Amino acid sequence: MRAFDLVREWPASNTSVCVIDRHGVAHPFGDTSRTSRVASVSKLLTAWAVLIAIEEGSTTLDAQVGQQDCTLAHLMTHAGGYSFDGAVPIVAPGRKRIYSNTGYELIAGHVERATEISFSEYLCDAIFEPLGMAKSFLNGSAAHDVVSCVDDLVEFALEMRNPSLISSHTASAATATQFAELEGVVPGVGRFDPCNWGYGPEIHGTKHPHWMGSRNSASTFGHFGGTGSFVWHDPAANISCVGLCEVEFESWALHHWPIFFDAALDELSN
């Protein structure tokens, strides 16, 4: 792909990327078998496992988790009222979109209790093994400590495109905005009103400037991580992208990523 010339300009020597075109063909760049911690992209994998637990009957979106009146649905959409990293809630549920690692750690603990299986084992059984993600594992917090590689994350991106582990109905709800009226902050990116989020994935919506490209449709969903990781799928274009950079997410990513994403969409849409 010509767009990969832009990746060579990134200040990240170990970058590996894969773009999946509308026919499902993968276009790789770099060492896509190299593993690293994917940071908050972990939340996508955690959320998908929770959706599996819900379909299995182990829990429900309405299950009470955390502070009073807080549900699993609130926590999955960062509407539970917890700060970025803090055990004490700072606002009532459903009032603001406050991005929270704590919320996802509460989610993992809830699923452990509901299934009587450690969350690391549940994630492996529910996601990694059935998708053939042989190099992926959870090594700490369900919010940010999954270790994986681009090859494995491509398998998960294909699952997001055409779900096999959950129903299409559940996947559609997960990748649509929930609690649509809420404003909030995408860490390292900016404040948005509304701040669109699904049951795990961030939804592009009308956010600008943003880590996704200007050509990414409003329905694009995915996540980025503080280690320079990202996964997104654009349903309108039927194009997906996965990347691991191993360089902290900062202004360089907000500059370079959207340019590359737009170029990839242009190249593969024509």
C-alpha atoms as a PDB file:
ATOM      1  CA  MET A   1       0.000   0.000   0.000  1.00  0.00           C
ATOM      2  CA  ARG A   2       1.256   3.483  -0.880  1.00  0.00           C
ATOM      3  CA  ALA A   3      -0.193   4.795   2.379  1.00  0.00           C
ATOM      4  CA  PHE A   4       2.464   2.880   4.314  1.00  0.00           C
ATOM      5  CA  ASP A   5       5.004   5.465   3.118  1.00  0.00           C
ATOM      6  CA  LEU A   6       3.359   7.772   5.659  1.00  0.00           C
ATOM      7  CA  VAL A   7       3.947   5.257   8.479  1.00  0.00           C
ATOM      8  CA  ARG A   8       7.677   5.424   7.788  1.00  0.00           C
ATOM      9  CA  GLU A   9       7.545   9.067   8.922  1.00  0.00           C
ATOM     10  CA  TRP A  10       6.270   8.167  12.402  1.00  0.00           C
ATOM     11  CA  PRO A  11       8.679   8.557  15.368  1.00  0.00           C
ATOM     12  CA  ALA A  12       8.205   4.877  16.197  1.00  0.00           C
ATOM     13  CA  SER A  13      10.855   2.476  14.951  1.00  0.00           C
ATOM     14  CA  ASN A  14       8.981  -0.705  15.913  1.00  0.00           C
ATOM     15  CA  THR A  15       5.663   0.147  14.285  1.00  0.00           C
ATOM     16  CA  SER A  16       3.568  -2.699  12.918  1.00  0.00           C
ATOM     17  CA  VAL A  17       0.275  -2.021  11.144  1.00  0.00           C
ATOM     18  CA  CYS A  18      -2.324  -3.937   9.190  1.00  0.00           C
ATOM     19  CA  VAL A  19      -5.156  -2.527   7.095  1.00  0.00           C
ATOM     20  CA  ILE A  20      -8.025  -4.879   6.199  1.00  0.00           C
ATOM     21  CA  ASP A  21      -9.767  -3.908   2.977  1.00  0.00           C
ATOM     22  CA  ARG A  22     -13.451  -4.237   2.168  1.00  0.00           C
ATOM     23  CA  HIS A  23     -12.899  -7.738   0.790  1.00  0.00           C
ATOM     24  CA  GLY A  24     -11.326  -8.900   4.057  1.00  0.00           C
ATOM     25  CA  VAL A  25      -7.805  -8.971   2.620  1.00  0.00           C
ATOM     26  CA  ALA A  26      -5.085  -7.975   5.106  1.00  0.00           C
ATOM     27  CA  HIS A  27      -2.343  -5.532   4.064  1.00  0.00           C
ATOM     28  CA  PRO A  28       0.486  -5.741   6.663  1.00  0.00           C
ATOM     29  CA  PHE A  29       3.395  -3.424   7.412  1.00  0.00           C
ATOM     30  CA  GLY A  30       6.306  -4.190   9.748  1.00  0.00           C
ATOM     31  CA  ASP A  31       6.737  -7.160  12.073  1.00  0.00           C
ATOM     32  CA  THR A  32       3.105  -8.010  12.753  1.00  0.00           C
ATOM     33  CA  SER A  33       4.062 -10.990  14.943  1.00  0.00           C
ATOM     34  CA  ARG A  34       5.877  -8.809  17.506  1.00  0.00           C
ATOM     35  CA  THR A  35       4.080  -8.651  20.854  1.00  0.00           C
ATOM     36  CA  SER A  36       3.644  -5.689  23.183  1.00  0.00           C
ATOM     37  CA  ARG A  37       1.221  -4.394  25.790  1.00  0.00           C
ATOM     38  CA  VAL A  38      -1.747  -2.915  23.958  1.00  0.00           C
ATOM     39  CA  ALA A  39      -2.763  -0.586  26.828  1.00  0.00           C
ATOM     40  CA  SER A  40      -6.389   0.567  26.614  1.00  0.00           C
ATOM     41  CA  VAL A  41      -7.123  -1.439  23.486  1.00  0.00           C
ATOM     42  CA  SER A  42      -7.474  -4.086  26.213  1.00  0.00           C
ATOM     43  CA  LYS A  43     -10.881  -2.568  26.969  1.00  0.00           C
ATOM     44  CA  LEU A  44     -12.222  -3.652  23.570  1.00  0.00           C
ATOM     45  CA  LEU A  45     -11.252  -7.253  24.287  1.00  0.00           C
ATOM     46  CA  THR A  46     -12.589  -7.071  27.837  1.00  0.00           C
ATOM     47  CA  ALA A  47     -15.898  -5.633  26.637  1.00  0.00           C
ATOM     48  CA  TRP A  48     -16.336  -8.328  23.979  1.00  0.00           C
ATOM     49  CA  ALA A  49     -15.741 -11.006  26.629  1.00  0.00           C
ATOM     50  CA  VAL A  50     -18.355  -9.357  28.865  1.00  0.00           C
ATOM     51  CA  LEU A  51     -20.862  -9.433  26.005  1.00  0.00           C
ATOM     52  CA  ILE A  52     -20.189 -13.156  25.675  1.00  0.00           C
ATOM     53  CA  ALA A  53     -20.815 -13.589  29.414  1.00  0.00           C
ATOM     54  CA  ILE A  54     -24.101 -11.717  29.007  1.00  0.00           C
ATOM     55  CA  GLU A  55     -25.225 -13.929  26.120  1.00  0.00           C
ATOM     56  CA  GLU A  56     -24.253 -17.011  28.129  1.00  0.00           C
ATOM     57  CA  GLY A  57     -26.560 -15.826  30.898  1.00  0.00           C
ATOM     58  CA  SER A  58     -23.852 -15.199  33.502  1.00  0.00           C
ATOM     59  CA  THR A  59     -24.808 -11.537  33.930  1.00  0.00           C
ATOM     60  CA  THR A  60     -26.863  -8.728  32.377  1.00  0.00           C
ATOM     61  CA  LEU A  61     -26.325  -5.133  31.294  1.00  0.00           C
ATOM     62  CA  ASP A  62     -28.679  -4.136  34.128  1.00  0.00           C
ATOM     63  CA  ALA A  63     -26.587  -5.900  36.802  1.00  0.00           C
ATOM     64  CA  GLN A  64     -25.699  -3.585  39.685  1.00  0.00           C
ATOM     65  CA  VAL A  65     -21.930  -3.085  39.864  1.00  0.00           C
ATOM     66  CA  GLY A  66     -20.105  -0.433  41.875  1.00  0.00           C
ATOM     67  CA  GLN A  67     -21.796   2.583  43.420  1.00  0.00           C
ATOM     68  CA  GLN A  68     -25.555   2.849  44.000  1.00  0.00           C
ATOM     69  CA  ASP A  69     -27.639   2.739  40.792  1.00  0.00           C
ATOM     70  CA  CYS A  70     -24.549   1.944  38.706  1.00  0.00           C
ATOM     71  CA  THR A  71     -24.994  -0.881  36.203  1.00  0.00           C
ATOM     72  CA  LEU A  72     -22.717  -2.947  34.024  1.00  0.00           C
ATOM     73  CA  ALA A  73     -24.007  -0.877  31.084  1.00  0.00           C
ATOM     74  CA  HIS A  74     -22.882   2.338  32.785  1.00  0.00           C
ATOM     75  CA  LEU A  75     -19.388   0.995  33.422  1.00  0.00           C
ATOM     76  CA  MET A  76     -18.921  -0.422  29.919  1.00  0.00           C
ATOM     77  CA  THR A  77     -19.749   2.993  28.430  1.00  0.00           C
ATOM     78  CA  HIS A  78     -17.685   5.061  30.902  1.00  0.00           C
ATOM     79  CA  ALA A  79     -20.874   6.464  32.433  1.00  0.00           C
ATOM     80  CA  GLY A  80     -20.437   4.894  35.877  1.00  0.00           C
ATOM     81  CA  GLY A  81     -19.225   8.034  37.608  1.00  0.00           C
ATOM     82  CA  TYR A  82     -15.699   6.811  38.402  1.00  0.00           C
ATOM     83  CA  SER A  83     -12.552   8.797  37.698  1.00  0.00           C
ATOM     84  CA  PHE A  84      -9.707   7.637  35.471  1.00  0.00           C
ATOM     85  CA  ASP A  85      -8.066   5.685  38.318  1.00  0.00           C
ATOM     86  CA  GLY A  86      -9.940   6.008  41.588  1.00  0.00           C
ATOM     87  CA  ALA A  87     -12.016   3.678  43.732  1.00  0.00           C
ATOM     88  CA  VAL A  88     -14.321   6.442  44.989  1.00  0.00           C
ATOM     89  CA  PRO A  89     -16.997   7.637  42.519  1.00  0.00           C
ATOM     90  CA  ILE A  90     -16.970  11.357  41.729  1.00  0.00           C
ATOM     91  CA  VAL A  91     -20.432  11.748  40.179  1.00  0.00           C
ATOM     92  CA  ALA A  92     -23.690   9.785  39.989  1.00  0.00           C
ATOM     93  CA  PRO A  93     -24.053   7.201  37.199  1.00  0.00           C
ATOM     94  CA  GLY A  94     -25.352   8.413  33.854  1.00  0.00           C
ATOM     95  CA  ARG A  95     -24.404  12.049  34.376  1.00  0.00           C
ATOM     96  CA  LYS A  96     -21.126  12.368  32.416  1.00  0.00           C
ATOM     97  CA  ARG A  97     -18.851  10.311  30.229  1.00  0.00           C
ATOM     98  CA  ILE A  98     -15.783   9.949  32.472  1.00  0.00           C
ATOM     99  CA  TYR A  99     -13.203   7.639  30.955  1.00  0.00           C
ATOM    100  CA  SER A 100     -12.299   5.155  33.680  1.00  0.00           C
ATOM    101  CA  ASN A 101      -9.834   2.317  34.144  1.00  0.00           C
ATOM    102  CA  THR A 102     -11.502   1.715  37.506  1.00  0.00           C
ATOM    103  CA  GLY A 103     -14.795   1.011  35.780  1.00  0.00           C
ATOM    104  CA  TYR A 104     -13.259  -1.740  33.676  1.00  0.00           C
ATOM    105  CA  GLU A 105     -11.536  -3.260  36.672  1.00  0.00           C
ATOM    106  CA  LEU A 106     -14.914  -3.348  38.439  1.00  0.00           C
ATOM    107  CA  ILE A 107     -16.357  -5.030  35.344  1.00  0.00           C
ATOM    108  CA  ALA A 108     -13.679  -7.733  35.367  1.00  0.00           C
ATOM    109  CA  GLY A 109     -14.216  -8.389  39.065  1.00  0.00           C
ATOM    110  CA  HIS A 110     -17.966  -8.690  38.502  1.00  0.00           C
ATOM    111  CA  VAL A 111     -17.511 -11.215  35.676  1.00  0.00           C
ATOM    112  CA  GLU A 112     -15.100 -13.221  37.850  1.00  0.00           C
ATOM    113  CA  ARG A 113     -17.734 -13.455  40.587  1.00  0.00           C
ATOM    114  CA  ALA A 114     -20.530 -14.214  38.147  1.00  0.00           C
ATOM    115  CA  THR A 115     -18.665 -16.970  36.307  1.00  0.00           C
ATOM    116  CA  GLU A 116     -16.392 -18.195  39.133  1.00  0.00           C
ATOM    117  CA  ILE A 117     -13.520 -18.054  36.633  1.00  0.00           C
ATOM    118  CA  SER A 118     -10.544 -15.702  36.822  1.00  0.00           C
ATOM    119  CA  PHE A 119     -10.954 -12.948  34.243  1.00  0.00           C
ATOM    120  CA  SER A 120      -7.622 -13.713  32.581  1.00  0.00           C
ATOM    121  CA  GLU A 121      -8.776 -17.302  32.071  1.00  0.00           C
ATOM    122  CA  TYR A 122     -12.229 -16.192  30.926  1.00  0.00           C
ATOM    123  CA  LEU A 123     -10.710 -13.793  28.364  1.00  0.00           C
ATOM    124  CA  CYS A 124      -8.541 -16.595  27.032  1.00  0.00           C
ATOM    125  CA  ASP A 125     -11.423 -19.081  26.844  1.00  0.00           C
ATOM    126  CA  ALA A 126     -13.932 -16.607  25.411  1.00  0.00           C
ATOM    127  CA  ILE A 127     -11.796 -14.569  22.981  1.00  0.00           C
ATOM    128  CA  PHE A 128      -8.195 -15.638  22.464  1.00  0.00           C
ATOM    129  CA  GLU A 129      -8.618 -19.388  21.955  1.00  0.00           C
ATOM    130  CA  PRO A 130     -11.658 -19.358  19.635  1.00  0.00           C
ATOM    131  CA  LEU A 131     -10.149 -16.589  17.482  1.00  0.00           C
ATOM    132  CA  GLY A 132      -6.725 -18.239  17.323  1.00  0.00           C
ATOM    133  CA  MET A 133      -5.018 -15.320  19.093  1.00  0.00           C
ATOM    134  CA  ALA A 134      -2.168 -17.572  20.225  1.00  0.00           C
ATOM    135  CA  LYS A 135       0.202 -14.809  21.364  1.00  0.00           C
ATOM    136  CA  SER A 136      -2.348 -12.840  23.387  1.00  0.00           C
ATOM    137  CA  PHE A 137      -2.831 -12.940  27.154  1.00  0.00           C
ATOM    138  CA  LEU A 138      -3.890 -10.739  30.057  1.00  0.00           C
ATOM    139  CA  ASN A 139      -1.045  -9.818  32.394  1.00  0.00           C
ATOM    140  CA  GLY A 140      -2.670  -7.559  34.990  1.00  0.00           C
ATOM    141  CA  SER A 141      -5.547  -5.099  34.715  1.00  0.00           C
ATOM    142  CA  ALA A 142      -8.396  -5.864  32.318  1.00  0.00           C
ATOM    143  CA  ALA A 143      -8.402  -2.134  31.539  1.00  0.00           C
ATOM    144  CA  HIS A 144      -4.908  -1.892  30.076  1.00  0.00           C
ATOM    145  CA  ASP A 145      -2.696  -4.971  30.455  1.00  0.00           C
ATOM    146  CA  VAL A 146      -3.424  -7.297  27.538  1.00  0.00           C
ATOM    147  CA  VAL A 147      -0.313  -8.329  25.612  1.00  0.00           C
ATOM    148  CA  SER A 148      -0.889  -9.039  21.935  1.00  0.00           C
ATOM    149  CA  CYS A 149       0.444  -8.548  18.399  1.00  0.00           C
ATOM    150  CA  VAL A 150      -0.989  -7.096  15.196  1.00  0.00           C
ATOM    151  CA  ASP A 151      -1.560 -10.567  13.723  1.00  0.00           C
ATOM    152  CA  ASP A 152      -3.748 -11.486  16.702  1.00  0.00           C
ATOM    153  CA  LEU A 153      -5.551  -8.143  16.746  1.00  0.00           C
ATOM    154  CA  VAL A 154      -6.373  -8.607  13.063  1.00  0.00           C
ATOM    155  CA  GLU A 155      -8.302 -11.725  14.087  1.00  0.00           C
ATOM    156  CA  PHE A 156     -10.217  -9.643  16.610  1.00  0.00           C
ATOM    157  CA  ALA A 157     -10.858  -6.910  14.029  1.00  0.00           C
ATOM    158  CA  LEU A 158     -12.321  -9.544  11.715  1.00  0.00           C
ATOM    159  CA  GLU A 159     -14.544 -10.656  14.607  1.00  0.00           C
ATOM    160  CA  MET A 160     -15.763  -7.084  15.057  1.00  0.00           C
ATOM    161  CA  ARG A 161     -16.533  -6.912  11.323  1.00  0.00           C
ATOM    162  CA  ASN A 162     -18.423 -10.214  11.212  1.00  0.00           C
ATOM    163  CA  PRO A 163     -19.194 -11.415  14.754  1.00  0.00           C
ATOM    164  CA  SER A 164     -19.052 -15.124  15.437  1.00  0.00           C
ATOM    165  CA  LEU A 165     -18.673 -15.089  19.229  1.00  0.00           C
ATOM    166  CA  ILE A 166     -21.732 -12.901  19.888  1.00  0.00           C
ATOM    167  CA  SER A 167     -24.954 -12.311  17.999  1.00  0.00           C
ATOM    168  CA  SER A 168     -25.207  -9.604  15.355  1.00  0.00           C
ATOM    169  CA  HIS A 169     -27.861  -7.919  17.511  1.00  0.00           C
ATOM    170  CA  THR A 170     -25.503  -7.711  20.490  1.00  0.00           C
ATOM    171  CA  ALA A 171     -22.641  -6.512  18.288  1.00  0.00           C
ATOM    172  CA  SER A 172     -24.830  -3.794  16.763  1.00  0.00           C
ATOM    173  CA  ALA A 173     -25.754  -2.505  20.215  1.00  0.00           C
ATOM    174  CA  ALA A 174     -22.128  -2.646  21.367  1.00  0.00           C
ATOM    175  CA  THR A 175     -20.926  -0.559  18.426  1.00  0.00           C
ATOM    176  CA  ALA A 176     -23.692   2.063  18.612  1.00  0.00           C
ATOM    177  CA  THR A 177     -23.720   5.078  20.925  1.00  0.00           C
ATOM    178  CA  GLN A 178     -25.200   4.414  24.365  1.00  0.00           C
ATOM    179  CA  PHE A 179     -26.321   7.178  26.764  1.00  0.00           C
ATOM    180  CA  ALA A 180     -26.107   9.415  23.702  1.00  0.00           C
ATOM    181  CA  GLU A 181     -26.583  12.744  25.464  1.00  0.00           C
ATOM    182  CA  LEU A 182     -23.432  12.531  27.580  1.00  0.00           C
ATOM    183  CA  GLU A 183     -20.471  14.852  27.113  1.00  0.00           C
ATOM    184  CA  GLY A 184     -16.994  13.908  28.201  1.00  0.00           C
ATOM    185  CA  VAL A 185     -13.274  13.788  27.548  1.00  0.00           C
ATOM    186  CA  VAL A 186     -11.281  11.352  25.418  1.00  0.00           C
ATOM    187  CA  PRO A 187      -7.961  11.269  27.329  1.00  0.00           C
ATOM    188  CA  GLY A 188      -5.152  12.931  25.427  1.00  0.00           C
ATOM    189  CA  VAL A 189      -7.527  14.022  22.650  1.00  0.00           C
ATOM    190  CA  GLY A 190     -10.104  16.503  23.941  1.00  0.00           C
ATOM    191  CA  ARG A 191     -13.561  17.251  25.321  1.00  0.00           C
ATOM    192  CA  PHE A 192     -16.571  16.433  23.167  1.00  0.00           C
ATOM    193  CA  ASP A 193     -20.307  17.054  23.456  1.00  0.00           C
ATOM    194  CA  PRO A 194     -21.618  14.517  22.801  1.00  0.00           C
ATOM    195  CA  CYS A 195     -18.822  12.053  23.567  1.00  0.00           C
ATOM    196  CA  ASN A 196     -20.059   8.982  21.714  1.00  0.00           C
ATOM    197  CA  TRP A 197     -19.322   5.553  23.182  1.00  0.00           C
ATOM    198  CA  GLY A 198     -20.707   2.046  22.867  1.00  0.00           C
ATOM    199  CA  TYR A 199     -20.422  -1.001  25.099  1.00  0.00           C
ATOM    200  CA  GLY A 200     -16.620  -0.920  24.926  1.00  0.00           C
ATOM    201  CA  PRO A 201     -15.758   0.783  21.631  1.00  0.00           C
ATOM    202  CA  GLU A 202     -15.429   4.519  21.213  1.00  0.00           C
ATOM    203  CA  ILE A 203     -17.685   5.775  18.401  1.00  0.00           C
ATOM    204  CA  HIS A 204     -16.228   8.433  16.089  1.00  0.00           C
ATOM    205  CA  GLY A 205     -19.427  10.462  15.725  1.00  0.00           C
ATOM    206  CA  THR A 206     -18.710  14.131  15.066  1.00  0.00           C
ATOM    207  CA  LYS A 207     -15.537  14.334  17.141  1.00  0.00           C
ATOM    208  CA  HIS A 208     -12.910  16.656  15.648  1.00  0.00           C
ATOM    209  CA  PRO A 209      -9.992  16.965  15.917  1.00  0.00           C
ATOM    210  CA  HIS A 210      -9.638  13.313  16.760  1.00  0.00           C
ATOM    211  CA  TRP A 211      -7.254  10.361  16.617  1.00  0.00           C
ATOM    212  CA  MET A 212      -9.339   8.869  13.789  1.00  0.00           C
ATOM    213  CA  GLY A 213      -9.245  10.391  10.311  1.00  0.00           C
ATOM    214  CA  SER A 214     -11.547  12.995   8.830  1.00  0.00           C
ATOM    215  CA  ARG A 215     -12.562  10.392   6.230  1.00  0.00           C
ATOM    216  CA  ASN A 216     -13.554   7.884   8.910  1.00  0.00           C
ATOM    217  CA  SER A 217     -17.345   7.750   8.934  1.00  0.00           C
ATOM    218  CA  ALA A 218     -19.332   8.783  12.006  1.00  0.00           C
ATOM    219  CA  SER A 219     -20.099   5.099  12.581  1.00  0.00           C
ATOM    220  CA  THR A 220     -16.422   4.110  12.859  1.00  0.00           C
ATOM    221  CA  PHE A 221     -15.741   2.392  16.173  1.00  0.00           C
ATOM    222  CA  GLY A 222     -12.614   1.251  17.957  1.00  0.00           C
ATOM    223  CA  HIS A 223     -10.090   2.231  20.607  1.00  0.00           C
ATOM    224  CA  PHE A 224      -6.577   3.511  21.030  1.00  0.00           C
ATOM    225  CA  GLY A 225      -4.075   2.861  23.793  1.00  0.00           C
ATOM    226  CA  GLY A 226      -1.449   4.922  25.560  1.00  0.00           C
ATOM    227  CA  THR A 227       1.351   2.706  24.203  1.00  0.00           C
ATOM    228  CA  GLY A 228       0.577   3.870  20.667  1.00  0.00           C
ATOM    229  CA  SER A 229      -1.873   1.063  19.892  1.00  0.00           C
ATOM    230  CA  PHE A 230      -5.096   1.311  17.910  1.00  0.00           C
ATOM    231  CA  VAL A 231      -7.890  -0.764  16.422  1.00  0.00           C
ATOM    232  CA  TRP A 232     -10.798   0.594  14.385  1.00  0.00           C
ATOM    233  CA  HIS A 233     -13.409  -0.575  11.917  1.00  0.00           C
ATOM    234  CA  ASP A 234     -15.323   1.722   9.580  1.00  0.00           C
ATOM    235  CA  PRO A 235     -18.633   0.010   8.693  1.00  0.00           C
ATOM    236  CA  ALA A 236     -19.422   2.516   5.948  1.00  0.00           C
ATOM    237  CA  ALA A 237     -16.199   1.758   4.072  1.00  0.00           C
ATOM    238  CA  ASN A 238     -15.927  -1.819   5.434  1.00  0.00           C
ATOM    239  CA  ILE A 239     -12.247  -1.115   6.131  1.00  0.00           C
ATOM    240  CA  SER A 240     -10.398  -1.793   9.384  1.00  0.00           C
ATOM    241  CA  CYS A 241      -6.996  -0.864  10.771  1.00  0.00           C
ATOM    242  CA  VAL A 242      -4.800  -2.240  13.560  1.00  0.00           C
ATOM    243  CA  GLY A 243      -1.493  -0.880  14.797  1.00  0.00           C
ATOM    244  CA  LEU A 244       1.133  -1.176  17.532  1.00  0.00           C
ATOM    245  CA  CYS A 245       3.789   1.528  17.819  1.00  0.00           C
ATOM    246  CA  GLU A 246       5.397   1.084  21.274  1.00  0.00           C
ATOM    247  CA  VAL A 247       5.729   4.859  21.569  1.00  0.00           C
ATOM    248  CA  GLU A 248       3.590   6.755  24.056  1.00  0.00           C
ATOM    249  CA  PHE A 249       0.460   8.299  22.579  1.00  0.00           C
ATOM    250  CA  GLU A 250       1.094  12.036  22.357  1.00  0.00           C
ATOM    251  CA  SER A 251       0.703  14.898  19.870  1.00  0.00           C
ATOM    252  CA  TRP A 252       2.694  12.987  17.240  1.00  0.00           C
ATOM    253  CA  ALA A 253      -0.106  10.412  16.995  1.00  0.00           C
ATOM    254  CA  LEU A 254      -2.836  13.036  16.761  1.00  0.00           C
ATOM    255  CA  HIS A 255      -0.911  14.522  13.835  1.00  0.00           C
ATOM    256  CA  HIS A 256       0.253  11.405  11.969  1.00  0.00           C
ATOM    257  CA  TRP A 257      -2.501   8.841  12.547  1.00  0.00           C
ATOM    258  CA  PRO A 258      -5.411  10.742  10.915  1.00  0.00           C
ATOM    259  CA  ILE A 259      -3.279  11.527   7.847  1.00  0.00           C
ATOM    260  CA  PHE A 260      -2.441   7.847   7.411  1.00  0.00           C
ATOM    261  CA  PHE A 261      -5.997   6.675   8.092  1.00  0.00           C
ATOM    262  CA  ASP A 262      -7.371   9.092   5.495  1.00  0.00           C
ATOM    263  CA  ALA A 263      -4.767   7.969   2.955  1.00  0.00           C
ATOM    264  CA  ALA A 264      -5.552   4.298   3.566  1.00  0.00           C
ATOM    265  CA  LEU A 265      -9.282   4.919   3.214  1.00  0.00           C
ATOM    266  CA  ASP A 266      -8.704   6.892   0.009  1.00  0.00           C
ATOM    267  CA  GLU A 267      -6.464   4.215  -1.460  1.00  0.00           C
ATOM    268  CA  LEU A 268      -8.708   1.269  -0.648  1.00  0.00           C
ATOM    269  CA  SER A 269     -12.026   2.956  -1.406  1.00  0.00           C
ATOM    270  CA  ASN A 270     -11.052   3.749  -5.009  1.00  0.00           C
END
